Full PDB file with SEQRES, HELIX, SHEET, SSBOND, CRYST1, ORIGX, SCALE, CONECT and MASTER records, all heavy atoms in Angstrom:
SEQRES   1 A   37  ASN VAL GLU PHE ALA TRP LEU LEU THR HIS ALA LEU LYS          
SEQRES   2 A   37  THR MET GLY LYS PRO ILE ASP GLN TYR THR ASP VAL LEU          
SEQRES   3 A   37  LYS ALA SER TYR ASN ASN ALA VAL GLN TYR GLY                  
HELIX    1 AA1 VAL A    2  MET A   15  1                                  14    
HELIX    2 AA2 ASP A   20  TYR A   22  5                                   3    
HELIX    3 AA3 THR A   23  TYR A   36  1                                  14    
CRYST1    1.000    1.000    1.000  90.00  90.00  90.00 P 1           1          
ORIGX1      1.000000  0.000000  0.000000        0.00000                         
ORIGX2      0.000000  1.000000  0.000000        0.00000                         
ORIGX3      0.000000  0.000000  1.000000        0.00000                         
SCALE1      1.000000  0.000000  0.000000        0.00000                         
SCALE2      0.000000  1.000000  0.000000        0.00000                         
SCALE3      0.000000  0.000000  1.000000        0.00000                         
ATOM      1  N   ASN A   1     130.965  62.504 224.974  1.00  0.00           N  
ATOM      2  CA  ASN A   1     129.778  62.634 225.819  1.00  0.00           C  
ATOM      3  C   ASN A   1     129.986  61.970 227.180  1.00  0.00           C  
ATOM      4  O   ASN A   1     129.615  62.529 228.219  1.00  0.00           O  
ATOM      5  CB  ASN A   1     128.564  62.046 225.114  1.00  0.00           C  
ATOM      6  CG  ASN A   1     128.166  62.853 223.886  1.00  0.00           C  
ATOM      7  OD1 ASN A   1     128.466  64.048 223.779  1.00  0.00           O  
ATOM      8  ND2 ASN A   1     127.519  62.200 222.934  1.00  0.00           N  
ATOM      9  N   VAL A   2     130.587  60.798 227.183  1.00  0.00           N  
ATOM     10  CA  VAL A   2     130.834  60.102 228.447  1.00  0.00           C  
ATOM     11  C   VAL A   2     131.958  60.782 229.221  1.00  0.00           C  
ATOM     12  O   VAL A   2     131.884  60.912 230.453  1.00  0.00           O  
ATOM     13  CB  VAL A   2     131.142  58.617 228.182  1.00  0.00           C  
ATOM     14  CG1 VAL A   2     131.637  57.927 229.455  1.00  0.00           C  
ATOM     15  CG2 VAL A   2     129.895  57.908 227.655  1.00  0.00           C  
ATOM     16  N   GLU A   3     133.002  61.228 228.518  1.00  0.00           N  
ATOM     17  CA  GLU A   3     134.082  61.957 229.188  1.00  0.00           C  
ATOM     18  C   GLU A   3     133.527  63.213 229.855  1.00  0.00           C  
ATOM     19  O   GLU A   3     133.871  63.516 231.005  1.00  0.00           O  
ATOM     20  CB  GLU A   3     135.174  62.321 228.182  1.00  0.00           C  
ATOM     21  CG  GLU A   3     136.394  62.987 228.799  1.00  0.00           C  
ATOM     22  CD  GLU A   3     137.463  63.328 227.788  1.00  0.00           C  
ATOM     23  OE1 GLU A   3     137.168  63.321 226.575  1.00  0.00           O  
ATOM     24  OE2 GLU A   3     138.615  63.608 228.180  1.00  0.00           O  
ATOM     25  N   PHE A   4     132.677  63.943 229.144  1.00  0.00           N  
ATOM     26  CA  PHE A   4     132.052  65.131 229.728  1.00  0.00           C  
ATOM     27  C   PHE A   4     131.307  64.784 231.013  1.00  0.00           C  
ATOM     28  O   PHE A   4     131.406  65.505 232.011  1.00  0.00           O  
ATOM     29  CB  PHE A   4     131.086  65.768 228.725  1.00  0.00           C  
ATOM     30  CG  PHE A   4     130.061  66.653 229.365  1.00  0.00           C  
ATOM     31  CD1 PHE A   4     130.392  67.910 229.819  1.00  0.00           C  
ATOM     32  CD2 PHE A   4     128.747  66.215 229.543  1.00  0.00           C  
ATOM     33  CE1 PHE A   4     129.445  68.724 230.438  1.00  0.00           C  
ATOM     34  CE2 PHE A   4     127.801  67.012 230.153  1.00  0.00           C  
ATOM     35  CZ  PHE A   4     128.147  68.272 230.602  1.00  0.00           C  
ATOM     36  N   ALA A   5     130.572  63.686 231.011  1.00  0.00           N  
ATOM     37  CA  ALA A   5     129.744  63.338 232.165  1.00  0.00           C  
ATOM     38  C   ALA A   5     130.588  63.046 233.397  1.00  0.00           C  
ATOM     39  O   ALA A   5     130.301  63.548 234.492  1.00  0.00           O  
ATOM     40  CB  ALA A   5     128.847  62.153 231.827  1.00  0.00           C  
ATOM     41  N   TRP A   6     131.625  62.229 233.241  1.00  0.00           N  
ATOM     42  CA  TRP A   6     132.396  61.921 234.441  1.00  0.00           C  
ATOM     43  C   TRP A   6     133.267  63.098 234.880  1.00  0.00           C  
ATOM     44  O   TRP A   6     133.473  63.292 236.092  1.00  0.00           O  
ATOM     45  CB  TRP A   6     133.192  60.630 234.270  1.00  0.00           C  
ATOM     46  CG  TRP A   6     134.512  60.653 233.541  1.00  0.00           C  
ATOM     47  CD1 TRP A   6     134.753  60.256 232.262  1.00  0.00           C  
ATOM     48  CD2 TRP A   6     135.792  61.038 234.069  1.00  0.00           C  
ATOM     49  NE1 TRP A   6     136.078  60.392 231.948  1.00  0.00           N  
ATOM     50  CE2 TRP A   6     136.744  60.860 233.053  1.00  0.00           C  
ATOM     51  CE3 TRP A   6     136.229  61.509 235.312  1.00  0.00           C  
ATOM     52  CZ2 TRP A   6     138.095  61.149 233.217  1.00  0.00           C  
ATOM     53  CZ3 TRP A   6     137.585  61.808 235.490  1.00  0.00           C  
ATOM     54  CH2 TRP A   6     138.489  61.631 234.455  1.00  0.00           C  
ATOM     55  N   LEU A   7     133.729  63.918 233.921  1.00  0.00           N  
ATOM     56  CA  LEU A   7     134.472  65.117 234.295  1.00  0.00           C  
ATOM     57  C   LEU A   7     133.568  66.121 235.005  1.00  0.00           C  
ATOM     58  O   LEU A   7     134.002  66.800 235.943  1.00  0.00           O  
ATOM     59  CB  LEU A   7     135.101  65.760 233.061  1.00  0.00           C  
ATOM     60  CG  LEU A   7     136.321  65.058 232.464  1.00  0.00           C  
ATOM     61  CD1 LEU A   7     136.719  65.717 231.140  1.00  0.00           C  
ATOM     62  CD2 LEU A   7     137.508  65.069 233.429  1.00  0.00           C  
ATOM     63  N   LEU A   8     132.317  66.238 234.568  1.00  0.00           N  
ATOM     64  CA  LEU A   8     131.369  67.113 235.244  1.00  0.00           C  
ATOM     65  C   LEU A   8     131.142  66.645 236.679  1.00  0.00           C  
ATOM     66  O   LEU A   8     131.122  67.459 237.613  1.00  0.00           O  
ATOM     67  CB  LEU A   8     130.045  67.151 234.480  1.00  0.00           C  
ATOM     68  CG  LEU A   8     128.898  67.914 235.160  1.00  0.00           C  
ATOM     69  CD1 LEU A   8     129.263  69.372 235.401  1.00  0.00           C  
ATOM     70  CD2 LEU A   8     127.614  67.817 234.328  1.00  0.00           C  
ATOM     71  N   THR A   9     130.964  65.361 236.868  1.00  0.00           N  
ATOM     72  CA  THR A   9     130.790  64.825 238.215  1.00  0.00           C  
ATOM     73  C   THR A   9     131.985  65.158 239.093  1.00  0.00           C  
ATOM     74  O   THR A   9     131.838  65.585 240.246  1.00  0.00           O  
ATOM     75  CB  THR A   9     130.580  63.302 238.155  1.00  0.00           C  
ATOM     76  OG1 THR A   9     129.427  63.008 237.358  1.00  0.00           O  
ATOM     77  CG2 THR A   9     130.380  62.726 239.550  1.00  0.00           C  
ATOM     78  N   HIS A  10     133.187  64.980 238.558  1.00  0.00           N  
ATOM     79  CA  HIS A  10     134.402  65.307 239.307  1.00  0.00           C  
ATOM     80  C   HIS A  10     134.474  66.791 239.637  1.00  0.00           C  
ATOM     81  O   HIS A  10     134.846  67.175 240.753  1.00  0.00           O  
ATOM     82  CB  HIS A  10     135.633  64.873 238.503  1.00  0.00           C  
ATOM     83  CG  HIS A  10     136.938  65.214 239.161  1.00  0.00           C  
ATOM     84  ND1 HIS A  10     137.282  64.766 240.422  1.00  0.00           N  
ATOM     85  CD2 HIS A  10     137.988  65.974 238.733  1.00  0.00           C  
ATOM     86  CE1 HIS A  10     138.481  65.226 240.740  1.00  0.00           C  
ATOM     87  NE2 HIS A  10     138.916  65.970 239.738  1.00  0.00           N  
ATOM     88  N   ALA A  11     134.093  67.633 238.683  1.00  0.00           N  
ATOM     89  CA  ALA A  11     134.110  69.079 238.906  1.00  0.00           C  
ATOM     90  C   ALA A  11     133.158  69.471 240.030  1.00  0.00           C  
ATOM     91  O   ALA A  11     133.504  70.264 240.914  1.00  0.00           O  
ATOM     92  CB  ALA A  11     133.752  69.814 237.617  1.00  0.00           C  
ATOM     93  N   LEU A  12     131.957  68.931 240.005  1.00  0.00           N  
ATOM     94  CA  LEU A  12     130.962  69.259 241.029  1.00  0.00           C  
ATOM     95  C   LEU A  12     131.429  68.821 242.410  1.00  0.00           C  
ATOM     96  O   LEU A  12     131.269  69.546 243.403  1.00  0.00           O  
ATOM     97  CB  LEU A  12     129.624  68.607 240.678  1.00  0.00           C  
ATOM     98  CG  LEU A  12     128.940  69.134 239.407  1.00  0.00           C  
ATOM     99  CD1 LEU A  12     127.775  68.236 239.012  1.00  0.00           C  
ATOM    100  CD2 LEU A  12     128.485  70.576 239.583  1.00  0.00           C  
ATOM    101  N   LYS A  13     132.022  67.639 242.494  1.00  0.00           N  
ATOM    102  CA  LYS A  13     132.541  67.160 243.779  1.00  0.00           C  
ATOM    103  C   LYS A  13     133.668  68.062 244.273  1.00  0.00           C  
ATOM    104  O   LYS A  13     133.755  68.367 245.464  1.00  0.00           O  
ATOM    105  CB  LYS A  13     133.022  65.712 243.637  1.00  0.00           C  
ATOM    106  CG  LYS A  13     131.899  64.703 243.450  1.00  0.00           C  
ATOM    107  CD  LYS A  13     132.441  63.299 243.259  1.00  0.00           C  
ATOM    108  CE  LYS A  13     131.306  62.288 243.098  1.00  0.00           C  
ATOM    109  NZ  LYS A  13     131.823  60.905 242.858  1.00  0.00           N  
ATOM    110  N   THR A  14     134.540  68.498 243.362  1.00  0.00           N  
ATOM    111  CA  THR A  14     135.642  69.375 243.735  1.00  0.00           C  
ATOM    112  C   THR A  14     135.127  70.722 244.234  1.00  0.00           C  
ATOM    113  O   THR A  14     135.686  71.318 245.154  1.00  0.00           O  
ATOM    114  CB  THR A  14     136.592  69.573 242.544  1.00  0.00           C  
ATOM    115  OG1 THR A  14     137.077  68.300 242.098  1.00  0.00           O  
ATOM    116  CG2 THR A  14     137.770  70.454 242.909  1.00  0.00           C  
ATOM    117  N   MET A  15     134.045  71.196 243.650  1.00  0.00           N  
ATOM    118  CA  MET A  15     133.421  72.457 244.058  1.00  0.00           C  
ATOM    119  C   MET A  15     132.578  72.312 245.323  1.00  0.00           C  
ATOM    120  O   MET A  15     132.128  73.321 245.886  1.00  0.00           O  
ATOM    121  CB  MET A  15     132.550  72.996 242.930  1.00  0.00           C  
ATOM    122  CG  MET A  15     133.299  73.303 241.635  1.00  0.00           C  
ATOM    123  SD  MET A  15     132.164  73.550 240.231  1.00  0.00           S  
ATOM    124  CE  MET A  15     131.556  75.207 240.580  1.00  0.00           C  
ATOM    125  N   GLY A  16     132.348  71.079 245.747  1.00  0.00           N  
ATOM    126  CA  GLY A  16     131.506  70.838 246.907  1.00  0.00           C  
ATOM    127  C   GLY A  16     130.031  70.986 246.623  1.00  0.00           C  
ATOM    128  O   GLY A  16     129.239  71.273 247.523  1.00  0.00           O  
ATOM    129  N   LYS A  17     129.636  70.773 245.363  1.00  0.00           N  
ATOM    130  CA  LYS A  17     128.238  70.904 244.960  1.00  0.00           C  
ATOM    131  C   LYS A  17     127.594  69.534 244.793  1.00  0.00           C  
ATOM    132  O   LYS A  17     128.215  68.611 244.268  1.00  0.00           O  
ATOM    133  CB  LYS A  17     128.128  71.695 243.645  1.00  0.00           C  
ATOM    134  CG  LYS A  17     128.533  73.158 243.765  1.00  0.00           C  
ATOM    135  CD  LYS A  17     128.318  73.871 242.455  1.00  0.00           C  
ATOM    136  CE  LYS A  17     128.640  75.355 242.556  1.00  0.00           C  
ATOM    137  NZ  LYS A  17     127.688  76.072 243.427  1.00  0.00           N  
ATOM    138  N   PRO A  18     126.334  69.384 245.217  1.00  0.00           N  
ATOM    139  CA  PRO A  18     125.633  68.111 245.000  1.00  0.00           C  
ATOM    140  C   PRO A  18     125.341  67.898 243.520  1.00  0.00           C  
ATOM    141  O   PRO A  18     125.142  68.863 242.771  1.00  0.00           O  
ATOM    142  CB  PRO A  18     124.339  68.271 245.803  1.00  0.00           C  
ATOM    143  CG  PRO A  18     124.123  69.762 245.875  1.00  0.00           C  
ATOM    144  CD  PRO A  18     125.494  70.371 245.921  1.00  0.00           C  
ATOM    145  N   ILE A  19     125.291  66.654 243.104  1.00  0.00           N  
ATOM    146  CA  ILE A  19     125.060  66.378 241.690  1.00  0.00           C  
ATOM    147  C   ILE A  19     123.587  66.130 241.378  1.00  0.00           C  
ATOM    148  O   ILE A  19     123.225  65.930 240.215  1.00  0.00           O  
ATOM    149  CB  ILE A  19     125.897  65.174 241.202  1.00  0.00           C  
ATOM    150  CG1 ILE A  19     125.413  63.883 241.852  1.00  0.00           C  
ATOM    151  CG2 ILE A  19     127.381  65.388 241.461  1.00  0.00           C  
ATOM    152  CD1 ILE A  19     126.013  62.650 241.187  1.00  0.00           C  
ATOM    153  N   ASP A  20     122.737  66.190 242.394  1.00  0.00           N  
ATOM    154  CA  ASP A  20     121.326  65.836 242.197  1.00  0.00           C  
ATOM    155  C   ASP A  20     120.667  66.615 241.069  1.00  0.00           C  
ATOM    156  O   ASP A  20     119.941  66.048 240.252  1.00  0.00           O  
ATOM    157  CB  ASP A  20     120.545  66.055 243.500  1.00  0.00           C  
ATOM    158  CG  ASP A  20     121.024  65.166 244.628  1.00  0.00           C  
ATOM    159  OD1 ASP A  20     121.937  64.345 244.380  1.00  0.00           O  
ATOM    160  OD2 ASP A  20     120.517  65.295 245.749  1.00  0.00           O  
ATOM    161  N   GLN A  21     120.923  67.926 240.998  1.00  0.00           N  
ATOM    162  CA  GLN A  21     120.268  68.736 239.971  1.00  0.00           C  
ATOM    163  C   GLN A  21     120.817  68.478 238.572  1.00  0.00           C  
ATOM    164  O   GLN A  21     120.274  68.985 237.586  1.00  0.00           O  
ATOM    165  CB  GLN A  21     120.385  70.215 240.316  1.00  0.00           C  
ATOM    166  CG  GLN A  21     121.813  70.738 240.395  1.00  0.00           C  
ATOM    167  CD  GLN A  21     121.886  72.193 240.788  1.00  0.00           C  
ATOM    168  OE1 GLN A  21     121.360  73.054 240.102  1.00  0.00           O  
ATOM    169  NE2 GLN A  21     122.530  72.475 241.897  1.00  0.00           N  
ATOM    170  N   TYR A  22     121.878  67.695 238.477  1.00  0.00           N  
ATOM    171  CA  TYR A  22     122.485  67.386 237.191  1.00  0.00           C  
ATOM    172  C   TYR A  22     122.206  65.955 236.745  1.00  0.00           C  
ATOM    173  O   TYR A  22     122.755  65.496 235.738  1.00  0.00           O  
ATOM    174  CB  TYR A  22     123.998  67.623 237.251  1.00  0.00           C  
ATOM    175  CG  TYR A  22     124.370  69.045 237.602  1.00  0.00           C  
ATOM    176  CD1 TYR A  22     124.568  69.423 238.929  1.00  0.00           C  
ATOM    177  CD2 TYR A  22     124.504  70.003 236.615  1.00  0.00           C  
ATOM    178  CE1 TYR A  22     124.891  70.725 239.257  1.00  0.00           C  
ATOM    179  CE2 TYR A  22     124.830  71.313 236.930  1.00  0.00           C  
ATOM    180  CZ  TYR A  22     125.027  71.671 238.256  1.00  0.00           C  
ATOM    181  OH  TYR A  22     125.351  72.962 238.569  1.00  0.00           O  
ATOM    182  N   THR A  23     121.349  65.250 237.474  1.00  0.00           N  
ATOM    183  CA  THR A  23     121.095  63.844 237.179  1.00  0.00           C  
ATOM    184  C   THR A  23     120.622  63.619 235.746  1.00  0.00           C  
ATOM    185  O   THR A  23     121.102  62.720 235.057  1.00  0.00           O  
ATOM    186  CB  THR A  23     120.060  63.274 238.171  1.00  0.00           C  
ATOM    187  OG1 THR A  23     120.612  63.272 239.487  1.00  0.00           O  
ATOM    188  CG2 THR A  23     119.668  61.845 237.793  1.00  0.00           C  
ATOM    189  N   ASP A  24     119.693  64.450 235.282  1.00  0.00           N  
ATOM    190  CA  ASP A  24     119.121  64.245 233.949  1.00  0.00           C  
ATOM    191  C   ASP A  24     120.174  64.365 232.855  1.00  0.00           C  
ATOM    192  O   ASP A  24     120.231  63.548 231.933  1.00  0.00           O  
ATOM    193  CB  ASP A  24     117.979  65.229 233.698  1.00  0.00           C  
ATOM    194  CG  ASP A  24     116.733  64.917 234.516  1.00  0.00           C  
ATOM    195  OD1 ASP A  24     116.665  63.804 235.090  1.00  0.00           O  
ATOM    196  OD2 ASP A  24     115.841  65.783 234.590  1.00  0.00           O  
ATOM    197  N   VAL A  25     121.020  65.389 232.936  1.00  0.00           N  
ATOM    198  CA  VAL A  25     122.009  65.589 231.889  1.00  0.00           C  
ATOM    199  C   VAL A  25     123.088  64.514 231.952  1.00  0.00           C  
ATOM    200  O   VAL A  25     123.578  64.040 230.920  1.00  0.00           O  
ATOM    201  CB  VAL A  25     122.613  67.008 231.949  1.00  0.00           C  
ATOM    202  CG1 VAL A  25     123.551  67.185 233.147  1.00  0.00           C  
ATOM    203  CG2 VAL A  25     123.350  67.330 230.662  1.00  0.00           C  
ATOM    204  N   LEU A  26     123.462  64.094 233.157  1.00  0.00           N  
ATOM    205  CA  LEU A  26     124.451  63.027 233.287  1.00  0.00           C  
ATOM    206  C   LEU A  26     123.930  61.723 232.684  1.00  0.00           C  
ATOM    207  O   LEU A  26     124.627  61.057 231.913  1.00  0.00           O  
ATOM    208  CB  LEU A  26     124.825  62.824 234.754  1.00  0.00           C  
ATOM    209  CG  LEU A  26     125.641  63.945 235.414  1.00  0.00           C  
ATOM    210  CD1 LEU A  26     125.719  63.742 236.913  1.00  0.00           C  
ATOM    211  CD2 LEU A  26     127.036  64.037 234.816  1.00  0.00           C  
ATOM    212  N   LYS A  27     122.702  61.382 233.027  1.00  0.00           N  
ATOM    213  CA  LYS A  27     122.123  60.157 232.475  1.00  0.00           C  
ATOM    214  C   LYS A  27     121.977  60.239 230.963  1.00  0.00           C  
ATOM    215  O   LYS A  27     122.220  59.254 230.256  1.00  0.00           O  
ATOM    216  CB  LYS A  27     120.771  59.875 233.129  1.00  0.00           C  
ATOM    217  CG  LYS A  27     120.866  59.316 234.552  1.00  0.00           C  
ATOM    218  CD  LYS A  27     119.498  58.932 235.075  1.00  0.00           C  
ATOM    219  CE  LYS A  27     119.587  58.265 236.438  1.00  0.00           C  
ATOM    220  NZ  LYS A  27     118.248  57.864 236.942  1.00  0.00           N  
ATOM    221  N   ALA A  28     121.588  61.402 230.448  1.00  0.00           N  
ATOM    222  CA  ALA A  28     121.460  61.557 228.997  1.00  0.00           C  
ATOM    223  C   ALA A  28     122.800  61.333 228.303  1.00  0.00           C  
ATOM    224  O   ALA A  28     122.866  60.677 227.252  1.00  0.00           O  
ATOM    225  CB  ALA A  28     120.905  62.937 228.663  1.00  0.00           C  
ATOM    226  N   SER A  29     123.887  61.877 228.874  1.00  0.00           N  
ATOM    227  CA  SER A  29     125.213  61.713 228.282  1.00  0.00           C  
ATOM    228  C   SER A  29     125.650  60.250 228.302  1.00  0.00           C  
ATOM    229  O   SER A  29     126.162  59.722 227.313  1.00  0.00           O  
ATOM    230  CB  SER A  29     126.231  62.579 229.027  1.00  0.00           C  
ATOM    231  OG  SER A  29     125.938  63.961 228.883  1.00  0.00           O  
ATOM    232  N   TYR A  30     125.457  59.600 229.443  1.00  0.00           N  
ATOM    233  CA  TYR A  30     125.812  58.185 229.551  1.00  0.00           C  
ATOM    234  C   TYR A  30     124.927  57.317 228.652  1.00  0.00           C  
ATOM    235  O   TYR A  30     125.413  56.435 227.933  1.00  0.00           O  
ATOM    236  CB  TYR A  30     125.680  57.706 230.991  1.00  0.00           C  
ATOM    237  CG  TYR A  30     126.719  58.231 231.951  1.00  0.00           C  
ATOM    238  CD1 TYR A  30     126.350  58.768 233.191  1.00  0.00           C  
ATOM    239  CD2 TYR A  30     128.071  58.179 231.645  1.00  0.00           C  
ATOM    240  CE1 TYR A  30     127.298  59.231 234.087  1.00  0.00           C  
ATOM    241  CE2 TYR A  30     129.028  58.648 232.538  1.00  0.00           C  
ATOM    242  CZ  TYR A  30     128.628  59.178 233.752  1.00  0.00           C  
ATOM    243  OH  TYR A  30     129.578  59.640 234.643  1.00  0.00           O  
ATOM    244  N   ASN A  31     123.630  57.565 228.704  1.00  0.00           N  
ATOM    245  CA  ASN A  31     122.680  56.662 228.058  1.00  0.00           C  
ATOM    246  C   ASN A  31     122.739  56.717 226.536  1.00  0.00           C  
ATOM    247  O   ASN A  31     122.459  55.724 225.866  1.00  0.00           O  
ATOM    248  CB  ASN A  31     121.261  56.944 228.544  1.00  0.00           C  
ATOM    249  CG  ASN A  31     121.066  56.564 230.002  1.00  0.00           C  
ATOM    250  OD1 ASN A  31     121.903  55.897 230.608  1.00  0.00           O  
ATOM    251  ND2 ASN A  31     119.966  57.008 230.590  1.00  0.00           N  
ATOM    252  N   ASN A  32     123.096  57.871 225.979  1.00  0.00           N  
ATOM    253  CA  ASN A  32     123.240  57.937 224.530  1.00  0.00           C  
ATOM    254  C   ASN A  32     124.317  56.968 224.060  1.00  0.00           C  
ATOM    255  O   ASN A  32     124.129  56.240 223.069  1.00  0.00           O  
ATOM    256  CB  ASN A  32     123.578  59.362 224.101  1.00  0.00           C  
ATOM    257  CG  ASN A  32     123.792  59.485 222.601  1.00  0.00           C  
ATOM    258  OD1 ASN A  32     124.912  59.405 222.111  1.00  0.00           O  
ATOM    259  ND2 ASN A  32     122.710  59.689 221.866  1.00  0.00           N  
ATOM    260  N   ALA A  33     125.447  56.946 224.766  1.00  0.00           N  
ATOM    261  CA  ALA A  33     126.522  56.018 224.416  1.00  0.00           C  
ATOM    262  C   ALA A  33     126.105  54.576 224.646  1.00  0.00           C  
ATOM    263  O   ALA A  33     126.376  53.694 223.825  1.00  0.00           O  
ATOM    264  CB  ALA A  33     127.778  56.341 225.212  1.00  0.00           C  
ATOM    265  N   VAL A  34     125.431  54.316 225.760  1.00  0.00           N  
ATOM    266  CA  VAL A  34     125.000  52.961 226.083  1.00  0.00           C  
ATOM    267  C   VAL A  34     123.998  52.442 225.053  1.00  0.00           C  
ATOM    268  O   VAL A  34     124.089  51.297 224.601  1.00  0.00           O  
ATOM    269  CB  VAL A  34     124.385  52.914 227.499  1.00  0.00           C  
ATOM    270  CG1 VAL A  34     123.717  51.562 227.756  1.00  0.00           C  
ATOM    271  CG2 VAL A  34     125.462  53.189 228.544  1.00  0.00           C  
ATOM    272  N   GLN A  35     123.062  53.290 224.642  1.00  0.00           N  
ATOM    273  CA  GLN A  35     122.007  52.858 223.736  1.00  0.00           C  
ATOM    274  C   GLN A  35     122.474  52.706 222.297  1.00  0.00           C  
ATOM    275  O   GLN A  35     122.072  51.760 221.596  1.00  0.00           O  
ATOM    276  CB  GLN A  35     120.843  53.848 223.788  1.00  0.00           C  
ATOM    277  CG  GLN A  35     119.628  53.424 222.938  1.00  0.00           C  
ATOM    278  CD  GLN A  35     118.426  54.337 223.151  1.00  0.00           C  
ATOM    279  OE1 GLN A  35     118.460  55.255 223.999  1.00  0.00           O  
ATOM    280  NE2 GLN A  35     117.355  54.090 222.405  1.00  0.00           N  
ATOM    281  N   TYR A  36     123.354  53.634 221.840  1.00  0.00           N  
ATOM    282  CA  TYR A  36     123.701  53.672 220.428  1.00  0.00           C  
ATOM    283  C   TYR A  36     125.164  53.344 220.125  1.00  0.00           C  
ATOM    284  O   TYR A  36     125.476  52.922 219.007  1.00  0.00           O  
ATOM    285  CB  TYR A  36     123.379  55.047 219.849  1.00  0.00           C  
ATOM    286  CG  TYR A  36     121.937  55.450 220.012  1.00  0.00           C  
ATOM    287  CD1 TYR A  36     121.590  56.539 220.801  1.00  0.00           C  
ATOM    288  CD2 TYR A  36     120.921  54.742 219.373  1.00  0.00           C  
ATOM    289  CE1 TYR A  36     120.269  56.925 220.954  1.00  0.00           C  
ATOM    290  CE2 TYR A  36     119.592  55.114 219.520  1.00  0.00           C  
ATOM    291  CZ  TYR A  36     119.272  56.199 220.315  1.00  0.00           C  
ATOM    292  OH  TYR A  36     117.951  56.575 220.463  1.00  0.00           O  
ATOM    293  N   GLY A  37     126.047  53.574 221.065  1.00  0.00           N  
ATOM    294  CA  GLY A  37     127.471  53.524 220.756  1.00  0.00           C  
ATOM    295  C   GLY A  37     128.187  52.220 221.045  1.00  0.00           C  
ATOM    296  O   GLY A  37     129.347  52.057 220.673  1.00  0.00           O  
TER     297      GLY A  37                                                      
MASTER        0    0    0    3    0    0    0    6  296    1    0    3          
END                                                                             
């Protein structure tokens, strides 16, 4: 889940796309690991 989140961020930056619209899913991926893992 965390690998997916940072790889997604890298992909969006490489594509030249802002990450703002992906904030919720990125936080969900990170926060699940932070809260439970």
